[in-house]
């Protein structure tokens, strides 16, 4: 059974409330172990990358996107209910947008829903 806090964090994320999503996932992350710990770290970093991107912190956003992909792979075996392949594609698209912004081309940071299975 899915922890209701996880569902609440997903709601925050899907509403573009990335800082709030990160806060809730961090509570779960503190309790997790193994692959679940890495999976939650991935989600936290994606949320904070989006938060930084919205605030124009391109360097921080790009670094978090890169590290989130490593955690995504480490957490793959305990990632229910998220579709990690779709999330990975969204993060890679986000990196391209961040790079365009960092190069001086103003592009809106997308709001994408957390891809659930």
PDB file of N, CA and C in Angstrom:
ATOM      1  N   UNK A   1       0.844  -1.185   0.000  1.00  0.00           N
ATOM      2  CA  UNK A   1       0.000   0.000   0.000  1.00  0.00           C
ATOM      3  C   UNK A   1       0.891   1.251   0.000  1.00  0.00           C
ATOM      4  N   UNK A   2       0.496   2.201  -0.786  1.00  0.00           N
ATOM      5  CA  UNK A   2       1.270   3.428  -0.936  1.00  0.00           C
ATOM      6  C   UNK A   2       1.040   4.359   0.255  1.00  0.00           C
ATOM      7  N   UNK A   3       2.112   4.876   0.789  1.00  0.00           N
ATOM      8  CA  UNK A   3       2.042   5.812   1.913  1.00  0.00           C
ATOM      9  C   UNK A   3       1.277   7.058   1.465  1.00  0.00           C
ATOM     10  N   UNK A   4       0.283   7.495   2.225  1.00  0.00           N
ATOM     11  CA  UNK A   4      -0.484   8.683   1.831  1.00  0.00           C
ATOM     12  C   UNK A   4       0.380   9.935   1.691  1.00  0.00           C
ATOM     13  N   UNK A   5       1.503   9.978   2.392  1.00  0.00           N
ATOM     14  CA  UNK A   5       2.399  11.117   2.232  1.00  0.00           C
ATOM     15  C   UNK A   5       3.018  11.146   0.838  1.00  0.00           C
ATOM     16  N   UNK A   6       3.276   9.972   0.289  1.00  0.00           N
ATOM     17  CA  UNK A   6       3.806   9.917  -1.068  1.00  0.00           C
ATOM     18  C   UNK A   6       2.787  10.496  -2.046  1.00  0.00           C
ATOM     19  N   UNK A   7       1.538  10.105  -1.878  1.00  0.00           N
ATOM     20  CA  UNK A   7       0.474  10.634  -2.746  1.00  0.00           C
ATOM     21  C   UNK A   7       0.349  12.143  -2.602  1.00  0.00           C
ATOM     22  N   UNK A   8       0.485  12.649  -1.390  1.00  0.00           N
ATOM     23  CA  UNK A   8       0.406  14.096  -1.157  1.00  0.00           C
ATOM     24  C   UNK A   8       1.563  14.801  -1.855  1.00  0.00           C
ATOM     25  N   UNK A   9       2.755  14.242  -1.780  1.00  0.00           N
ATOM     26  CA  UNK A   9       3.903  14.841  -2.463  1.00  0.00           C
ATOM     27  C   UNK A   9       3.676  14.850  -3.970  1.00  0.00           C
ATOM     28  N   UNK A  10       3.112  13.783  -4.511  1.00  0.00           N
ATOM     29  CA  UNK A  10       2.800  13.730  -5.945  1.00  0.00           C
ATOM     30  C   UNK A  10       1.815  14.830  -6.320  1.00  0.00           C
ATOM     31  N   UNK A  11       0.813  15.055  -5.479  1.00  0.00           N
ATOM     32  CA  UNK A  11      -0.150  16.145  -5.727  1.00  0.00           C
ATOM     33  C   UNK A  11       0.564  17.487  -5.771  1.00  0.00           C
ATOM     34  N   UNK A  12       1.425  17.729  -4.796  1.00  0.00           N
ATOM     35  CA  UNK A  12       2.190  18.985  -4.784  1.00  0.00           C
ATOM     36  C   UNK A  12       2.993  19.124  -6.077  1.00  0.00           C
ATOM     37  N   UNK A  13       3.708  18.075  -6.452  1.00  0.00           N
ATOM     38  CA  UNK A  13       4.539  18.107  -7.646  1.00  0.00           C
ATOM     39  C   UNK A  13       3.685  18.429  -8.875  1.00  0.00           C
ATOM     40  N   UNK A  14       2.574  17.726  -9.020  1.00  0.00           N
ATOM     41  CA  UNK A  14       1.718  17.901 -10.195  1.00  0.00           C
ATOM     42  C   UNK A  14       1.050  19.277 -10.250  1.00  0.00           C
ATOM     43  N   UNK A  15       0.988  19.958  -9.119  1.00  0.00           N
ATOM     44  CA  UNK A  15       0.449  21.317  -9.074  1.00  0.00           C
ATOM     45  C   UNK A  15       1.551  22.364  -9.205  1.00  0.00           C
ATOM     46  N   UNK A  16       2.765  21.915  -9.443  1.00  0.00           N
ATOM     47  CA  UNK A  16       3.886  22.836  -9.585  1.00  0.00           C
ATOM     48  C   UNK A  16       4.416  23.360  -8.267  1.00  0.00           C
ATOM     49  N   UNK A  17       4.046  22.711  -7.181  1.00  0.00           N
ATOM     50  CA  UNK A  17       4.507  23.087  -5.842  1.00  0.00           C
ATOM     51  C   UNK A  17       5.707  22.215  -5.494  1.00  0.00           C
ATOM     52  N   UNK A  18       6.827  22.525  -6.167  1.00  0.00           N
ATOM     53  CA  UNK A  18       7.995  21.648  -6.100  1.00  0.00           C
ATOM     54  C   UNK A  18       8.671  21.661  -4.745  1.00  0.00           C
ATOM     55  N   UNK A  19       8.752  22.814  -4.121  1.00  0.00           N
ATOM     56  CA  UNK A  19       9.387  22.875  -2.804  1.00  0.00           C
ATOM     57  C   UNK A  19       8.588  22.046  -1.801  1.00  0.00           C
ATOM     58  N   UNK A  20       7.272  22.155  -1.855  1.00  0.00           N
ATOM     59  CA  UNK A  20       6.415  21.405  -0.938  1.00  0.00           C
ATOM     60  C   UNK A  20       6.528  19.901  -1.186  1.00  0.00           C
ATOM     61  N   UNK A  21       6.585  19.508  -2.464  1.00  0.00           N
ATOM     62  CA  UNK A  21       6.747  18.085  -2.794  1.00  0.00           C
ATOM     63  C   UNK A  21       8.059  17.563  -2.220  1.00  0.00           C
ATOM     64  N   UNK A  22       9.106  18.347  -2.392  1.00  0.00           N
ATOM     65  CA  UNK A  22      10.422  17.953  -1.888  1.00  0.00           C
ATOM     66  C   UNK A  22      10.391  17.756  -0.370  1.00  0.00           C
ATOM     67  N   UNK A  23       9.695  18.637   0.320  1.00  0.00           N
ATOM     68  CA  UNK A  23       9.622  18.542   1.789  1.00  0.00           C
ATOM     69  C   UNK A  23       8.964  17.235   2.226  1.00  0.00           C
ATOM     70  N   UNK A  24       7.872  16.856   1.580  1.00  0.00           N
ATOM     71  CA  UNK A  24       7.156  15.633   1.954  1.00  0.00           C
ATOM     72  C   UNK A  24       7.985  14.408   1.589  1.00  0.00           C
ATOM     73  N   UNK A  25       8.557  14.395   0.383  1.00  0.00           N
ATOM     74  CA  UNK A  25       9.388  13.255  -0.008  1.00  0.00           C
ATOM     75  C   UNK A  25      10.596  13.123   0.905  1.00  0.00           C
ATOM     76  N   UNK A  26      11.119  14.248   1.383  1.00  0.00           N
ATOM     77  CA  UNK A  26      12.276  14.189   2.274  1.00  0.00           C
ATOM     78  C   UNK A  26      11.932  13.471   3.580  1.00  0.00           C
ATOM     79  N   UNK A  27      10.717  13.682   4.088  1.00  0.00           N
ATOM     80  CA  UNK A  27      10.290  12.953   5.286  1.00  0.00           C
ATOM     81  C   UNK A  27      10.314  11.447   5.034  1.00  0.00           C
ATOM     82  N   UNK A  28       9.816  11.027   3.871  1.00  0.00           N
ATOM     83  CA  UNK A  28       9.818   9.604   3.522  1.00  0.00           C
ATOM     84  C   UNK A  28      11.240   9.092   3.305  1.00  0.00           C
ATOM     85  N   UNK A  29      12.064   9.919   2.672  1.00  0.00           N
ATOM     86  CA  UNK A  29      13.465   9.567   2.400  1.00  0.00           C
ATOM     87  C   UNK A  29      14.211   9.277   3.697  1.00  0.00           C
ATOM     88  N   UNK A  30      13.933  10.063   4.741  1.00  0.00           N
ATOM     89  CA  UNK A  30      14.588   9.860   6.036  1.00  0.00           C
ATOM     90  C   UNK A  30      14.266   8.503   6.647  1.00  0.00           C
ATOM     91  N   UNK A  31      13.148   7.910   6.245  1.00  0.00           N
ATOM     92  CA  UNK A  31      12.714   6.621   6.778  1.00  0.00           C
ATOM     93  C   UNK A  31      13.083   5.451   5.866  1.00  0.00           C
ATOM     94  N   UNK A  32      13.506   5.738   4.640  1.00  0.00           N
ATOM     95  CA  UNK A  32      13.707   4.699   3.628  1.00  0.00           C
ATOM     96  C   UNK A  32      15.110   4.112   3.672  1.00  0.00           C
ATOM     97  N   UNK A  33      15.248   2.968   3.008  1.00  0.00           N
ATOM     98  CA  UNK A  33      16.530   2.277   2.904  1.00  0.00           C
ATOM     99  C   UNK A  33      16.676   1.707   1.494  1.00  0.00           C
ATOM    100  N   UNK A  34      17.894   1.437   1.109  1.00  0.00           N
ATOM    101  CA  UNK A  34      18.163   0.751  -0.148  1.00  0.00           C
ATOM    102  C   UNK A  34      17.665   1.494  -1.374  1.00  0.00           C
ATOM    103  N   UNK A  35      17.071   0.725  -2.277  1.00  0.00           N
ATOM    104  CA  UNK A  35      16.607   1.283  -3.546  1.00  0.00           C
ATOM    105  C   UNK A  35      15.527   2.345  -3.341  1.00  0.00           C
ATOM    106  N   UNK A  36      14.691   2.160  -2.342  1.00  0.00           N
ATOM    107  CA  UNK A  36      13.629   3.152  -2.103  1.00  0.00           C
ATOM    108  C   UNK A  36      14.252   4.489  -1.700  1.00  0.00           C
ATOM    109  N   UNK A  37      15.287   4.449  -0.921  1.00  0.00           N
ATOM    110  CA  UNK A  37      16.001   5.656  -0.503  1.00  0.00           C
ATOM    111  C   UNK A  37      16.527   6.391  -1.736  1.00  0.00           C
ATOM    112  N   UNK A  38      17.158   5.662  -2.651  1.00  0.00           N
ATOM    113  CA  UNK A  38      17.696   6.270  -3.878  1.00  0.00           C
ATOM    114  C   UNK A  38      16.573   6.812  -4.755  1.00  0.00           C
ATOM    115  N   UNK A  39      15.490   6.074  -4.883  1.00  0.00           N
ATOM    116  CA  UNK A  39      14.349   6.518  -5.677  1.00  0.00           C
ATOM    117  C   UNK A  39      13.793   7.837  -5.142  1.00  0.00           C
ATOM    118  N   UNK A  40      13.600   7.916  -3.840  1.00  0.00           N
ATOM    119  CA  UNK A  40      13.083   9.151  -3.243  1.00  0.00           C
ATOM    120  C   UNK A  40      14.070  10.294  -3.394  1.00  0.00           C
ATOM    121  N   UNK A  41      15.369  10.002  -3.320  1.00  0.00           N
ATOM    122  CA  UNK A  41      16.388  11.030  -3.546  1.00  0.00           C
ATOM    123  C   UNK A  41      16.263  11.576  -4.962  1.00  0.00           C
ATOM    124  N   UNK A  42      16.000  10.712  -5.915  1.00  0.00           N
ATOM    125  CA  UNK A  42      15.785  11.144  -7.299  1.00  0.00           C
ATOM    126  C   UNK A  42      14.623  12.129  -7.377  1.00  0.00           C
ATOM    127  N   UNK A  43      13.502  11.763  -6.787  1.00  0.00           N
ATOM    128  CA  UNK A  43      12.313  12.632  -6.849  1.00  0.00           C
ATOM    129  C   UNK A  43      12.575  13.973  -6.172  1.00  0.00           C
ATOM    130  N   UNK A  44      13.254  13.930  -5.051  1.00  0.00           N
ATOM    131  CA  UNK A  44      13.590  15.165  -4.327  1.00  0.00           C
ATOM    132  C   UNK A  44      14.441  16.059  -5.211  1.00  0.00           C
ATOM    133  N   UNK A  45      15.436  15.479  -5.855  1.00  0.00           N
ATOM    134  CA  UNK A  45      16.331  16.289  -6.673  1.00  0.00           C
ATOM    135  C   UNK A  45      15.635  16.841  -7.917  1.00  0.00           C
ATOM    136  N   UNK A  46      14.738  16.085  -8.509  1.00  0.00           N
ATOM    137  CA  UNK A  46      13.979  16.601  -9.654  1.00  0.00           C
ATOM    138  C   UNK A  46      13.118  17.778  -9.214  1.00  0.00           C
ATOM    139  N   UNK A  47      12.453  17.627  -8.077  1.00  0.00           N
ATOM    140  CA  UNK A  47      11.595  18.710  -7.577  1.00  0.00           C
ATOM    141  C   UNK A  47      12.410  19.965  -7.287  1.00  0.00           C
ATOM    142  N   UNK A  48      13.557  19.808  -6.664  1.00  0.00           N
ATOM    143  CA  UNK A  48      14.379  20.973  -6.328  1.00  0.00           C
ATOM    144  C   UNK A  48      14.997  21.569  -7.597  1.00  0.00           C
ATOM    145  N   UNK A  49      15.327  20.739  -8.569  1.00  0.00           N
ATOM    146  CA  UNK A  49      15.829  21.259  -9.844  1.00  0.00           C
ATOM    147  C   UNK A  49      14.777  22.142 -10.509  1.00  0.00           C
ATOM    148  N   UNK A  50      13.542  21.704 -10.507  1.00  0.00           N
ATOM    149  CA  UNK A  50      12.457  22.517 -11.080  1.00  0.00           C
ATOM    150  C   UNK A  50      12.271  23.809 -10.287  1.00  0.00           C
ATOM    151  N   UNK A  51      12.368  23.715  -8.983  1.00  0.00           N
ATOM    152  CA  UNK A  51      12.260  24.904  -8.127  1.00  0.00           C
ATOM    153  C   UNK A  51      13.381  25.892  -8.451  1.00  0.00           C
ATOM    154  N   UNK A  52      14.617  25.391  -8.546  1.00  0.00           N
ATOM    155  CA  UNK A  52      15.751  26.255  -8.889  1.00  0.00           C
ATOM    156  C   UNK A  52      15.582  26.851 -10.279  1.00  0.00           C
ATOM    157  N   UNK A  53      15.123  26.041 -11.218  1.00  0.00           N
ATOM    158  CA  UNK A  53      14.924  26.536 -12.573  1.00  0.00           C
ATOM    159  C   UNK A  53      13.934  27.682 -12.625  1.00  0.00           C
ATOM    160  N   UNK A  54      12.878  27.562 -11.876  1.00  0.00           N
ATOM    161  CA  UNK A  54      11.895  28.648 -11.824  1.00  0.00           C
ATOM    162  C   UNK A  54      12.483  29.921 -11.229  1.00  0.00           C
ATOM    163  N   UNK A  55      13.493  29.759 -10.382  1.00  0.00           N
ATOM    164  CA  UNK A  55      14.122  30.914  -9.738  1.00  0.00           C
ATOM    165  C   UNK A  55      15.375  31.385 -10.467  1.00  0.00           C
ATOM    166  N   UNK A  56      15.652  30.806 -11.637  1.00  0.00           N
ATOM    167  CA  UNK A  56      16.787  31.238 -12.437  1.00  0.00           C
ATOM    168  C   UNK A  56      18.139  30.718 -11.980  1.00  0.00           C
ATOM    169  N   UNK A  57      18.163  29.749 -11.105  1.00  0.00           N
ATOM    170  CA  UNK A  57      19.418  29.145 -10.654  1.00  0.00           C
ATOM    171  C   UNK A  57      19.752  28.000 -11.608  1.00  0.00           C
ATOM    172  N   UNK A  58      20.259  28.352 -12.790  1.00  0.00           N
ATOM    173  CA  UNK A  58      20.483  27.370 -13.854  1.00  0.00           C
ATOM    174  C   UNK A  58      21.548  26.350 -13.480  1.00  0.00           C
ATOM    175  N   UNK A  59      22.629  26.803 -12.859  1.00  0.00           N
ATOM    176  CA  UNK A  59      23.710  25.899 -12.496  1.00  0.00           C
ATOM    177  C   UNK A  59      23.225  24.856 -11.481  1.00  0.00           C
ATOM    178  N   UNK A  60      22.528  25.312 -10.460  1.00  0.00           N
ATOM    179  CA  UNK A  60      22.003  24.390  -9.455  1.00  0.00           C
ATOM    180  C   UNK A  60      20.994  23.423 -10.043  1.00  0.00           C
ATOM    181  N   UNK A  61      20.122  23.930 -10.913  1.00  0.00           N
ATOM    182  CA  UNK A  61      19.107  23.077 -11.539  1.00  0.00           C
ATOM    183  C   UNK A  61      19.757  22.003 -12.398  1.00  0.00           C
ATOM    184  N   UNK A  62      20.753  22.392 -13.172  1.00  0.00           N
ATOM    185  CA  UNK A  62      21.423  21.432 -14.064  1.00  0.00           C
ATOM    186  C   UNK A  62      22.149  20.361 -13.257  1.00  0.00           C
ATOM    187  N   UNK A  63      22.847  20.756 -12.189  1.00  0.00           N
ATOM    188  CA  UNK A  63      23.557  19.783 -11.347  1.00  0.00           C
ATOM    189  C   UNK A  63      22.581  18.787 -10.711  1.00  0.00           C
ATOM    190  N   UNK A  64      21.452  19.283 -10.250  1.00  0.00           N
ATOM    191  CA  UNK A  64      20.468  18.395  -9.619  1.00  0.00           C
ATOM    192  C   UNK A  64      19.841  17.438 -10.632  1.00  0.00           C
ATOM    193  N   UNK A  65      19.609  17.924 -11.843  1.00  0.00           N
ATOM    194  CA  UNK A  65      19.086  17.027 -12.881  1.00  0.00           C
ATOM    195  C   UNK A  65      20.070  15.897 -13.142  1.00  0.00           C
ATOM    196  N   UNK A  66      21.338  16.244 -13.271  1.00  0.00           N
ATOM    197  CA  UNK A  66      22.357  15.231 -13.549  1.00  0.00           C
ATOM    198  C   UNK A  66      22.433  14.197 -12.432  1.00  0.00           C
ATOM    199  N   UNK A  67      22.478  14.643 -11.195  1.00  0.00           N
ATOM    200  CA  UNK A  67      22.587  13.682 -10.098  1.00  0.00           C
ATOM    201  C   UNK A  67      21.294  12.891  -9.911  1.00  0.00           C
ATOM    202  N   UNK A  68      20.155  13.501 -10.241  1.00  0.00           N
ATOM    203  CA  UNK A  68      18.881  12.778 -10.099  1.00  0.00           C
ATOM    204  C   UNK A  68      18.846  11.548 -10.998  1.00  0.00           C
ATOM    205  N   UNK A  69      19.492  11.635 -12.168  1.00  0.00           N
ATOM    206  CA  UNK A  69      19.480  10.499 -13.088  1.00  0.00           C
ATOM    207  C   UNK A  69      20.264   9.317 -12.524  1.00  0.00           C
ATOM    208  N   UNK A  70      21.326   9.589 -11.788  1.00  0.00           N
ATOM    209  CA  UNK A  70      22.058   8.510 -11.126  1.00  0.00           C
ATOM    210  C   UNK A  70      21.218   7.841 -10.051  1.00  0.00           C
ATOM    211  N   UNK A  71      20.534   8.647  -9.264  1.00  0.00           N
ATOM    212  CA  UNK A  71      19.653   8.085  -8.236  1.00  0.00           C
ATOM    213  C   UNK A  71      18.481   7.345  -8.860  1.00  0.00           C
ATOM    214  N   UNK A  72      18.005   7.819 -10.005  1.00  0.00           N
ATOM    215  CA  UNK A  72      16.914   7.144 -10.706  1.00  0.00           C
ATOM    216  C   UNK A  72      17.320   5.703 -11.004  1.00  0.00           C
ATOM    217  N   UNK A  73      18.526   5.511 -11.512  1.00  0.00           N
ATOM    218  CA  UNK A  73      18.976   4.158 -11.845  1.00  0.00           C
ATOM    219  C   UNK A  73      19.179   3.316 -10.586  1.00  0.00           C
ATOM    220  N   UNK A  74      19.727   3.902  -9.534  1.00  0.00           N
ATOM    221  CA  UNK A  74      19.942   3.162  -8.285  1.00  0.00           C
ATOM    222  C   UNK A  74      18.623   2.767  -7.626  1.00  0.00           C
ATOM    223  N   UNK A  75      17.566   3.568  -7.854  1.00  0.00           N
ATOM    224  CA  UNK A  75      16.280   3.304  -7.222  1.00  0.00           C
ATOM    225  C   UNK A  75      15.291   2.562  -8.087  1.00  0.00           C
ATOM    226  N   UNK A  76      15.725   2.139  -9.251  1.00  0.00           N
ATOM    227  CA  UNK A  76      14.818   1.536 -10.230  1.00  0.00           C
ATOM    228  C   UNK A  76      14.039   0.341  -9.674  1.00  0.00           C
ATOM    229  N   UNK A  77      14.631  -0.453  -8.807  1.00  0.00           N
ATOM    230  CA  UNK A  77      13.956  -1.673  -8.328  1.00  0.00           C
ATOM    231  C   UNK A  77      12.870  -1.408  -7.283  1.00  0.00           C
ATOM    232  N   UNK A  78      12.766  -0.165  -6.791  1.00  0.00           N
ATOM    233  CA  UNK A  78      11.727   0.140  -5.791  1.00  0.00           C
ATOM    234  C   UNK A  78      11.145   1.525  -6.074  1.00  0.00           C
ATOM    235  N   UNK A  79      10.567   1.656  -7.269  1.00  0.00           N
ATOM    236  CA  UNK A  79      10.109   2.964  -7.735  1.00  0.00           C
ATOM    237  C   UNK A  79       8.607   3.061  -7.944  1.00  0.00           C
ATOM    238  N   UNK A  80       7.860   2.145  -7.387  1.00  0.00           N
ATOM    239  CA  UNK A  80       6.407   2.210  -7.538  1.00  0.00           C
ATOM    240  C   UNK A  80       5.875   3.483  -6.935  1.00  0.00           C
ATOM    241  N   UNK A  81       4.950   4.150  -7.543  1.00  0.00           N
ATOM    242  CA  UNK A  81       4.228   3.844  -8.776  1.00  0.00           C
ATOM    243  C   UNK A  81       4.694   4.683  -9.969  1.00  0.00           C
ATOM    244  N   UNK A  82       5.934   5.134  -9.975  1.00  0.00           N
ATOM    245  CA  UNK A  82       6.409   6.074 -10.989  1.00  0.00           C
ATOM    246  C   UNK A  82       7.000   5.330 -12.191  1.00  0.00           C
ATOM    247  N   UNK A  83       6.689   5.810 -13.369  1.00  0.00           N
ATOM    248  CA  UNK A  83       7.268   5.292 -14.606  1.00  0.00           C
ATOM    249  C   UNK A  83       8.621   5.978 -14.785  1.00  0.00           C
ATOM    250  N   UNK A  84       9.692   5.294 -14.427  1.00  0.00           N
ATOM    251  CA  UNK A  84      11.011   5.915 -14.423  1.00  0.00           C
ATOM    252  C   UNK A  84      11.531   6.226 -15.822  1.00  0.00           C
ATOM    253  N   UNK A  85      11.168   5.447 -16.808  1.00  0.00           N
ATOM    254  CA  UNK A  85      11.622   5.751 -18.167  1.00  0.00           C
ATOM    255  C   UNK A  85      11.027   7.076 -18.640  1.00  0.00           C
ATOM    256  N   UNK A  86       9.762   7.282 -18.356  1.00  0.00           N
ATOM    257  CA  UNK A  86       9.124   8.538 -18.735  1.00  0.00           C
ATOM    258  C   UNK A  86       9.685   9.710 -17.920  1.00  0.00           C
ATOM    259  N   UNK A  87       9.934   9.488 -16.632  1.00  0.00           N
ATOM    260  CA  UNK A  87      10.532  10.529 -15.803  1.00  0.00           C
ATOM    261  C   UNK A  87      11.921  10.886 -16.316  1.00  0.00           C
ATOM    262  N   UNK A  88      12.705   9.891 -16.685  1.00  0.00           N
ATOM    263  CA  UNK A  88      14.045  10.132 -17.219  1.00  0.00           C
ATOM    264  C   UNK A  88      13.971  11.012 -18.465  1.00  0.00           C
ATOM    265  N   UNK A  89      13.043  10.718 -19.363  1.00  0.00           N
ATOM    266  CA  UNK A  89      12.883  11.533 -20.569  1.00  0.00           C
ATOM    267  C   UNK A  89      12.510  12.968 -20.225  1.00  0.00           C
ATOM    268  N   UNK A  90      11.650  13.140 -19.241  1.00  0.00           N
ATOM    269  CA  UNK A  90      11.253  14.492 -18.822  1.00  0.00           C
ATOM    270  C   UNK A  90      12.436  15.254 -18.242  1.00  0.00           C
ATOM    271  N   UNK A  91      13.269  14.572 -17.454  1.00  0.00           N
ATOM    272  CA  UNK A  91      14.453  15.214 -16.866  1.00  0.00           C
ATOM    273  C   UNK A  91      15.440  15.597 -17.967  1.00  0.00           C
ATOM    274  N   UNK A  92      15.633  14.728 -18.939  1.00  0.00           N
ATOM    275  CA  UNK A  92      16.542  15.042 -20.045  1.00  0.00           C
ATOM    276  C   UNK A  92      16.033  16.238 -20.850  1.00  0.00           C
ATOM    277  N   UNK A  93      14.715  16.303 -21.070  1.00  0.00           N
ATOM    278  CA  UNK A  93      14.133  17.475 -21.745  1.00  0.00           C
ATOM    279  C   UNK A  93      14.356  18.732 -20.910  1.00  0.00           C
ATOM    280  N   UNK A  94      14.208  18.607 -19.606  1.00  0.00           N
ATOM    281  CA  UNK A  94      14.414  19.736 -18.704  1.00  0.00           C
ATOM    282  C   UNK A  94      15.853  20.236 -18.777  1.00  0.00           C
ATOM    283  N   UNK A  95      16.812  19.329 -18.857  1.00  0.00           N
ATOM    284  CA  UNK A  95      18.223  19.721 -18.971  1.00  0.00           C
ATOM    285  C   UNK A  95      18.428  20.592 -20.205  1.00  0.00           C
ATOM    286  N   UNK A  96      17.833  20.217 -21.321  1.00  0.00           N
ATOM    287  CA  UNK A  96      17.969  21.012 -22.548  1.00  0.00           C
ATOM    288  C   UNK A  96      17.391  22.411 -22.377  1.00  0.00           C
ATOM    289  N   UNK A  97      16.256  22.505 -21.708  1.00  0.00           N
ATOM    290  CA  UNK A  97      15.631  23.808 -21.459  1.00  0.00           C
ATOM    291  C   UNK A  97      16.502  24.649 -20.528  1.00  0.00           C
ATOM    292  N   UNK A  98      17.049  24.020 -19.508  1.00  0.00           N
ATOM    293  CA  UNK A  98      17.931  24.729 -18.574  1.00  0.00           C
ATOM    294  C   UNK A  98      19.165  25.252 -19.311  1.00  0.00           C
ATOM    295  N   UNK A  99      19.741  24.420 -20.171  1.00  0.00           N
ATOM    296  CA  UNK A  99      20.919  24.853 -20.934  1.00  0.00           C
ATOM    297  C   UNK A  99      20.593  26.035 -21.842  1.00  0.00           C
ATOM    298  N   UNK A 100      19.420  26.025 -22.451  1.00  0.00           N
ATOM    299  CA  UNK A 100      19.023  27.148 -23.304  1.00  0.00           C
ATOM    300  C   UNK A 100      18.888  28.419 -22.480  1.00  0.00           C
ATOM    301  N   UNK A 101      18.298  28.312 -21.306  1.00  0.00           N
ATOM    302  CA  UNK A 101      18.169  29.469 -20.421  1.00  0.00           C
ATOM    303  C   UNK A 101      19.531  29.963 -19.960  1.00  0.00           C
ATOM    304  N   UNK A 102      20.398  29.047 -19.606  1.00  0.00           N
ATOM    305  CA  UNK A 102      21.737  29.424 -19.147  1.00  0.00           C
ATOM    306  C   UNK A 102      22.509  30.140 -20.248  1.00  0.00           C
ATOM    307  N   UNK A 103      22.196  29.811 -21.500  1.00  0.00           N
ATOM    308  CA  UNK A 103      22.868  30.442 -22.639  1.00  0.00           C
ATOM    309  C   UNK A 103      22.223  31.777 -23.010  1.00  0.00           C
ATOM    310  N   UNK A 104      21.207  32.192 -22.261  1.00  0.00           N
ATOM    311  CA  UNK A 104      20.583  33.489 -22.491  1.00  0.00           C
ATOM    312  C   UNK A 104      19.322  33.464 -23.321  1.00  0.00           C
ATOM    313  N   UNK A 105      18.847  32.283 -23.681  1.00  0.00           N
ATOM    314  CA  UNK A 105      17.599  32.169 -24.431  1.00  0.00           C
ATOM    315  C   UNK A 105      16.463  31.905 -23.440  1.00  0.00           C
ATOM    316  N   UNK A 106      15.608  32.891 -23.223  1.00  0.00           N
ATOM    317  CA  UNK A 106      14.551  32.686 -22.227  1.00  0.00           C
ATOM    318  C   UNK A 106      13.505  31.661 -22.691  1.00  0.00           C
ATOM    319  N   UNK A 107      13.486  30.556 -21.992  1.00  0.00           N
ATOM    320  CA  UNK A 107      12.533  29.485 -22.269  1.00  0.00           C
ATOM    321  C   UNK A 107      11.855  29.141 -20.947  1.00  0.00           C
ATOM    322  N   UNK A 108      10.545  29.028 -20.948  1.00  0.00           N
ATOM    323  CA  UNK A 108       9.818  28.713 -19.716  1.00  0.00           C
ATOM    324  C   UNK A 108      10.185  27.317 -19.205  1.00  0.00           C
ATOM    325  N   UNK A 109      10.357  27.233 -17.913  1.00  0.00           N
ATOM    326  CA  UNK A 109      10.579  25.939 -17.273  1.00  0.00           C
ATOM    327  C   UNK A 109       9.234  25.215 -17.283  1.00  0.00           C
ATOM    328  N   UNK A 110       9.200  24.009 -17.832  1.00  0.00           N
ATOM    329  CA  UNK A 110       7.916  23.314 -17.964  1.00  0.00           C
ATOM    330  C   UNK A 110       7.405  22.801 -16.616  1.00  0.00           C
ATOM    331  N   UNK A 111       6.121  22.671 -16.561  1.00  0.00           N
ATOM    332  CA  UNK A 111       5.505  21.971 -15.441  1.00  0.00           C
ATOM    333  C   UNK A 111       5.021  20.657 -16.024  1.00  0.00           C
ATOM    334  N   UNK A 112       5.612  19.570 -15.589  1.00  0.00           N
ATOM    335  CA  UNK A 112       5.187  18.272 -16.092  1.00  0.00           C
ATOM    336  C   UNK A 112       4.694  17.417 -14.945  1.00  0.00           C
ATOM    337  N   UNK A 113       3.678  16.619 -15.198  1.00  0.00           N
ATOM    338  CA  UNK A 113       3.181  15.766 -14.117  1.00  0.00           C
ATOM    339  C   UNK A 113       4.155  14.621 -13.854  1.00  0.00           C
ATOM    340  N   UNK A 114       4.150  14.152 -12.651  1.00  0.00           N
ATOM    341  CA  UNK A 114       4.942  12.978 -12.309  1.00  0.00           C
ATOM    342  C   UNK A 114       4.313  11.797 -13.031  1.00  0.00           C
ATOM    343  N   UNK A 115       5.069  11.112 -13.878  1.00  0.00           N
ATOM    344  CA  UNK A 115       4.472  10.021 -14.665  1.00  0.00           C
ATOM    345  C   UNK A 115       4.217   8.775 -13.806  1.00  0.00           C
ATOM    346  N   UNK A 116       2.977   8.501 -13.568  1.00  0.00           N
ATOM    347  CA  UNK A 116       2.607   7.348 -12.753  1.00  0.00           C
ATOM    348  C   UNK A 116       2.181   6.197 -13.654  1.00  0.00           C
ATOM    349  N   UNK A 117       2.436   5.000 -13.192  1.00  0.00           N
ATOM    350  CA  UNK A 117       2.069   3.787 -13.956  1.00  0.00           C
ATOM    351  C   UNK A 117       0.588   3.541 -13.841  1.00  0.00           C
TER     352      UNK A 117
END
